[in-house]
Amino acid sequence: MTIKSGKLVGGDDAHPASGQVKLEGNEIKLVEVQISEAPDGRVILSKDFDSATGVPLGKLQGFTGSHNYPIPDGTDLNAYNTVLIWCDQFNVPIGKVQL
C-alpha cells in the first residue's frame, strides 16, 4: 500500500534525475529512476529537504532502475515529507522528491 509518493527531480541543474519515489509500508521505493552519477550516493528520508536531520536509509544501490530502502523501526513517518538522494563526498543533493 502506497502511503505517499512523488516524482523525483534533480538536485540542481548539474544533476538531473527522474523517476518515482514511493513510501510503502516501512520502505522507500525508487521506481524506474535515472539519476546523475556521483560518488558516494546516499538515500535520506528528510523533512523539508534537510539532510542534516534526516534519517539515512543507506547507500544508493544504483543510478538507474528500481531499488528498495528499509526505514528503521520506530521512525515516525509523519515527521518526514521529502526524500533526498545525496552525494556525501561533495555534500550536495543529486535528486530530491516531495512526498
N, C-alpha and C. Protein backbone atom coordinates (compact mmCIF):
# COMPACT_ATOMS: atom_id res chain seq x y z
N MET A 1 0.84 -1.18 0.00
CA MET A 1 0.00 0.00 0.00
C MET A 1 0.89 1.24 0.00
N THR A 2 0.73 2.10 -0.98
CA THR A 2 1.49 3.34 -1.05
C THR A 2 0.88 4.36 -0.09
N ILE A 3 1.69 4.87 0.81
CA ILE A 3 1.24 5.90 1.73
C ILE A 3 1.42 7.28 1.10
N LYS A 4 2.62 7.50 0.53
CA LYS A 4 2.95 8.77 -0.12
C LYS A 4 3.81 8.47 -1.33
N SER A 5 3.75 9.34 -2.33
CA SER A 5 4.63 9.18 -3.48
C SER A 5 4.86 10.54 -4.12
N GLY A 6 5.88 10.60 -4.97
CA GLY A 6 6.19 11.83 -5.67
C GLY A 6 7.14 11.57 -6.81
N LYS A 7 7.31 12.58 -7.65
CA LYS A 7 8.19 12.50 -8.81
C LYS A 7 9.58 12.99 -8.43
N LEU A 8 10.58 12.17 -8.73
CA LEU A 8 11.97 12.52 -8.47
C LEU A 8 12.44 13.57 -9.46
N VAL A 9 13.10 14.60 -8.97
CA VAL A 9 13.71 15.63 -9.81
C VAL A 9 15.18 15.76 -9.41
N GLY A 10 15.95 16.43 -10.26
CA GLY A 10 17.36 16.62 -9.97
C GLY A 10 17.59 17.53 -8.79
N GLY A 11 18.75 17.36 -8.17
CA GLY A 11 19.11 18.20 -7.04
C GLY A 11 19.41 19.63 -7.46
N ASP A 12 19.88 19.80 -8.70
CA ASP A 12 20.13 21.11 -9.28
C ASP A 12 20.31 20.92 -10.79
N ASP A 13 20.64 21.99 -11.51
CA ASP A 13 20.77 21.90 -12.97
C ASP A 13 21.88 20.94 -13.40
N ALA A 14 22.90 20.79 -12.59
CA ALA A 14 24.02 19.91 -12.94
C ALA A 14 23.74 18.44 -12.66
N HIS A 15 22.65 18.16 -11.93
CA HIS A 15 22.34 16.78 -11.53
C HIS A 15 20.89 16.45 -11.86
N PRO A 16 20.58 16.16 -13.14
CA PRO A 16 19.20 15.79 -13.47
C PRO A 16 18.84 14.42 -12.91
N ALA A 17 17.56 14.25 -12.63
CA ALA A 17 17.06 12.97 -12.14
C ALA A 17 15.59 12.83 -12.51
N SER A 18 15.15 11.60 -12.65
CA SER A 18 13.74 11.35 -12.94
C SER A 18 13.35 10.00 -12.36
N GLY A 19 12.05 9.76 -12.30
CA GLY A 19 11.52 8.52 -11.77
C GLY A 19 10.50 8.80 -10.70
N GLN A 20 10.07 7.76 -10.03
CA GLN A 20 9.05 7.84 -9.00
C GLN A 20 9.64 7.37 -7.68
N VAL A 21 9.24 8.01 -6.59
CA VAL A 21 9.64 7.58 -5.25
C VAL A 21 8.37 7.34 -4.46
N LYS A 22 8.31 6.16 -3.81
CA LYS A 22 7.12 5.79 -3.06
C LYS A 22 7.49 5.42 -1.63
N LEU A 23 6.65 5.83 -0.71
CA LEU A 23 6.73 5.36 0.67
C LEU A 23 5.65 4.29 0.81
N GLU A 24 6.08 3.05 0.94
CA GLU A 24 5.16 1.93 1.07
C GLU A 24 5.53 1.13 2.31
N GLY A 25 4.59 1.05 3.23
CA GLY A 25 4.86 0.32 4.47
C GLY A 25 6.06 0.91 5.17
N ASN A 26 7.09 0.09 5.37
CA ASN A 26 8.29 0.56 6.05
C ASN A 26 9.47 0.66 5.08
N GLU A 27 9.17 1.01 3.81
CA GLU A 27 10.22 1.12 2.79
C GLU A 27 10.04 2.37 1.94
N ILE A 28 11.16 2.90 1.50
CA ILE A 28 11.18 3.87 0.42
C ILE A 28 11.54 3.10 -0.83
N LYS A 29 10.75 3.27 -1.88
CA LYS A 29 10.98 2.57 -3.15
C LYS A 29 11.31 3.60 -4.23
N LEU A 30 12.46 3.45 -4.85
CA LEU A 30 12.81 4.23 -6.03
C LEU A 30 12.40 3.39 -7.23
N VAL A 31 11.53 3.93 -8.08
CA VAL A 31 10.94 3.17 -9.17
C VAL A 31 11.35 3.75 -10.52
N GLU A 32 12.03 2.94 -11.32
CA GLU A 32 12.46 3.32 -12.66
C GLU A 32 13.15 4.69 -12.66
N VAL A 33 14.13 4.84 -11.80
CA VAL A 33 14.84 6.11 -11.67
C VAL A 33 15.99 6.21 -12.66
N GLN A 34 16.31 7.44 -12.99
CA GLN A 34 17.50 7.82 -13.75
C GLN A 34 18.13 8.96 -12.95
N ILE A 35 19.30 8.73 -12.39
CA ILE A 35 19.95 9.71 -11.51
C ILE A 35 21.35 9.96 -12.03
N SER A 36 21.77 11.22 -12.04
CA SER A 36 23.14 11.55 -12.45
C SER A 36 24.12 10.83 -11.55
N GLU A 37 25.15 10.26 -12.16
CA GLU A 37 26.14 9.55 -11.37
C GLU A 37 26.98 10.53 -10.56
N ALA A 38 27.22 10.16 -9.33
CA ALA A 38 28.02 10.95 -8.41
C ALA A 38 28.62 9.98 -7.39
N PRO A 39 29.77 10.32 -6.84
CA PRO A 39 30.37 9.41 -5.86
C PRO A 39 29.60 9.41 -4.54
N ASP A 40 29.58 8.27 -3.90
CA ASP A 40 29.09 8.17 -2.53
C ASP A 40 27.63 8.61 -2.38
N GLY A 41 26.75 8.14 -3.28
CA GLY A 41 25.33 8.47 -3.20
C GLY A 41 24.65 7.80 -2.02
N ARG A 42 23.77 8.52 -1.37
CA ARG A 42 23.02 8.03 -0.21
C ARG A 42 21.55 8.39 -0.37
N VAL A 43 20.68 7.65 0.31
CA VAL A 43 19.25 7.94 0.32
C VAL A 43 18.89 8.38 1.73
N ILE A 44 18.21 9.53 1.83
CA ILE A 44 17.88 10.11 3.13
C ILE A 44 16.40 10.46 3.16
N LEU A 45 15.68 9.96 4.16
CA LEU A 45 14.31 10.38 4.44
C LEU A 45 14.43 11.67 5.25
N SER A 46 13.79 12.76 4.79
CA SER A 46 14.03 14.05 5.43
C SER A 46 12.76 14.85 5.60
N LYS A 47 12.89 15.92 6.34
CA LYS A 47 11.81 16.91 6.48
C LYS A 47 12.27 18.16 5.77
N ASP A 48 11.49 18.58 4.79
CA ASP A 48 11.76 19.82 4.05
C ASP A 48 13.18 19.85 3.46
N PHE A 49 13.64 18.70 2.95
CA PHE A 49 14.94 18.57 2.27
C PHE A 49 16.13 18.87 3.17
N ASP A 50 16.00 18.67 4.48
CA ASP A 50 17.10 18.91 5.41
C ASP A 50 17.89 17.62 5.61
N SER A 51 19.05 17.55 4.97
CA SER A 51 19.86 16.32 5.05
C SER A 51 20.45 16.12 6.44
N ALA A 52 20.72 17.19 7.15
CA ALA A 52 21.40 17.09 8.45
C ALA A 52 20.55 16.40 9.51
N THR A 53 19.23 16.55 9.43
CA THR A 53 18.36 15.96 10.46
C THR A 53 17.55 14.79 9.93
N GLY A 54 17.85 14.36 8.70
CA GLY A 54 17.11 13.27 8.09
C GLY A 54 17.53 11.90 8.61
N VAL A 55 16.80 10.89 8.17
CA VAL A 55 17.08 9.50 8.54
C VAL A 55 17.83 8.84 7.38
N PRO A 56 19.10 8.50 7.56
CA PRO A 56 19.84 7.84 6.48
C PRO A 56 19.29 6.43 6.24
N LEU A 57 19.02 6.12 4.97
CA LEU A 57 18.46 4.82 4.61
C LEU A 57 19.46 3.90 3.93
N GLY A 58 20.65 4.43 3.66
CA GLY A 58 21.69 3.58 3.09
C GLY A 58 22.29 4.12 1.81
N LYS A 59 23.27 3.39 1.33
CA LYS A 59 23.99 3.74 0.11
C LYS A 59 23.06 3.55 -1.09
N LEU A 60 23.13 4.47 -2.04
CA LEU A 60 22.35 4.37 -3.27
C LEU A 60 22.75 3.08 -3.98
N GLN A 61 21.79 2.22 -4.27
CA GLN A 61 22.06 0.91 -4.85
C GLN A 61 22.35 0.97 -6.34
N GLY A 62 21.97 2.05 -7.00
CA GLY A 62 22.21 2.19 -8.42
C GLY A 62 21.64 3.49 -8.94
N PHE A 63 22.16 3.94 -10.06
CA PHE A 63 21.73 5.22 -10.65
C PHE A 63 20.55 5.05 -11.61
N THR A 64 20.23 3.81 -11.95
CA THR A 64 19.08 3.52 -12.80
C THR A 64 18.33 2.33 -12.23
N GLY A 65 17.07 2.20 -12.64
CA GLY A 65 16.28 1.05 -12.24
C GLY A 65 15.44 1.31 -11.01
N SER A 66 15.10 0.22 -10.32
CA SER A 66 14.23 0.28 -9.14
C SER A 66 14.96 -0.35 -7.95
N HIS A 67 14.83 0.30 -6.79
CA HIS A 67 15.54 -0.14 -5.59
C HIS A 67 14.67 0.13 -4.37
N ASN A 68 14.84 -0.67 -3.34
CA ASN A 68 14.09 -0.51 -2.09
C ASN A 68 15.04 -0.23 -0.94
N TYR A 69 14.59 0.63 -0.03
CA TYR A 69 15.39 1.02 1.13
C TYR A 69 14.52 0.91 2.38
N PRO A 70 14.84 -0.01 3.30
CA PRO A 70 14.05 -0.14 4.52
C PRO A 70 14.21 1.08 5.42
N ILE A 71 13.11 1.44 6.05
CA ILE A 71 13.11 2.55 7.02
C ILE A 71 13.29 1.93 8.40
N PRO A 72 14.20 2.48 9.21
CA PRO A 72 14.43 1.90 10.54
C PRO A 72 13.15 1.83 11.38
N ASP A 73 13.02 0.75 12.12
CA ASP A 73 11.89 0.59 13.04
C ASP A 73 11.83 1.77 14.00
N GLY A 74 10.63 2.21 14.32
CA GLY A 74 10.44 3.30 15.26
C GLY A 74 10.47 4.68 14.63
N THR A 75 10.72 4.76 13.33
CA THR A 75 10.74 6.06 12.65
C THR A 75 9.31 6.58 12.52
N ASP A 76 9.07 7.81 12.95
CA ASP A 76 7.76 8.44 12.83
C ASP A 76 7.60 8.95 11.40
N LEU A 77 6.90 8.20 10.57
CA LEU A 77 6.77 8.55 9.16
C LEU A 77 6.05 9.87 8.94
N ASN A 78 5.22 10.29 9.89
CA ASN A 78 4.53 11.57 9.76
C ASN A 78 5.46 12.76 9.93
N ALA A 79 6.65 12.53 10.45
CA ALA A 79 7.60 13.62 10.69
C ALA A 79 8.41 13.96 9.45
N TYR A 80 8.28 13.18 8.37
CA TYR A 80 9.12 13.37 7.18
C TYR A 80 8.26 13.52 5.94
N ASN A 81 8.65 14.46 5.06
CA ASN A 81 7.85 14.73 3.87
C ASN A 81 8.67 14.78 2.58
N THR A 82 9.95 14.48 2.66
CA THR A 82 10.81 14.53 1.49
C THR A 82 11.84 13.39 1.53
N VAL A 83 12.40 13.10 0.34
CA VAL A 83 13.50 12.15 0.23
C VAL A 83 14.60 12.82 -0.58
N LEU A 84 15.82 12.67 -0.12
CA LEU A 84 16.99 13.20 -0.82
C LEU A 84 17.86 12.06 -1.32
N ILE A 85 18.37 12.20 -2.53
CA ILE A 85 19.46 11.37 -3.00
C ILE A 85 20.68 12.28 -2.86
N TRP A 86 21.60 11.93 -2.00
CA TRP A 86 22.63 12.85 -1.53
C TRP A 86 24.02 12.33 -1.89
N CYS A 87 24.88 13.23 -2.34
CA CYS A 87 26.29 12.90 -2.57
C CYS A 87 27.06 13.33 -1.32
N ASP A 88 27.48 12.35 -0.53
CA ASP A 88 28.21 12.65 0.71
C ASP A 88 29.55 13.32 0.43
N GLN A 89 30.24 12.87 -0.60
CA GLN A 89 31.58 13.39 -0.87
C GLN A 89 31.57 14.90 -1.13
N PHE A 90 30.58 15.36 -1.91
CA PHE A 90 30.53 16.79 -2.25
C PHE A 90 29.45 17.55 -1.48
N ASN A 91 28.71 16.83 -0.61
CA ASN A 91 27.72 17.45 0.25
C ASN A 91 26.66 18.21 -0.53
N VAL A 92 26.13 17.55 -1.59
CA VAL A 92 25.09 18.17 -2.43
C VAL A 92 24.01 17.15 -2.77
N PRO A 93 22.78 17.64 -3.00
CA PRO A 93 21.72 16.74 -3.44
C PRO A 93 21.88 16.43 -4.93
N ILE A 94 21.70 15.16 -5.30
CA ILE A 94 21.69 14.81 -6.72
C ILE A 94 20.29 14.40 -7.16
N GLY A 95 19.37 14.33 -6.24
CA GLY A 95 17.97 14.08 -6.52
C GLY A 95 17.14 14.40 -5.30
N LYS A 96 15.88 14.73 -5.54
CA LYS A 96 15.00 15.05 -4.42
C LYS A 96 13.55 14.87 -4.84
N VAL A 97 12.71 14.63 -3.85
CA VAL A 97 11.29 14.45 -4.11
C VAL A 97 10.48 14.88 -2.89
N GLN A 98 9.39 15.57 -3.16
CA GLN A 98 8.42 15.93 -2.13
C GLN A 98 7.38 14.80 -2.10
N LEU A 99 7.16 14.20 -0.95
CA LEU A 99 6.19 13.11 -0.84
C LEU A 99 4.82 13.65 -0.47
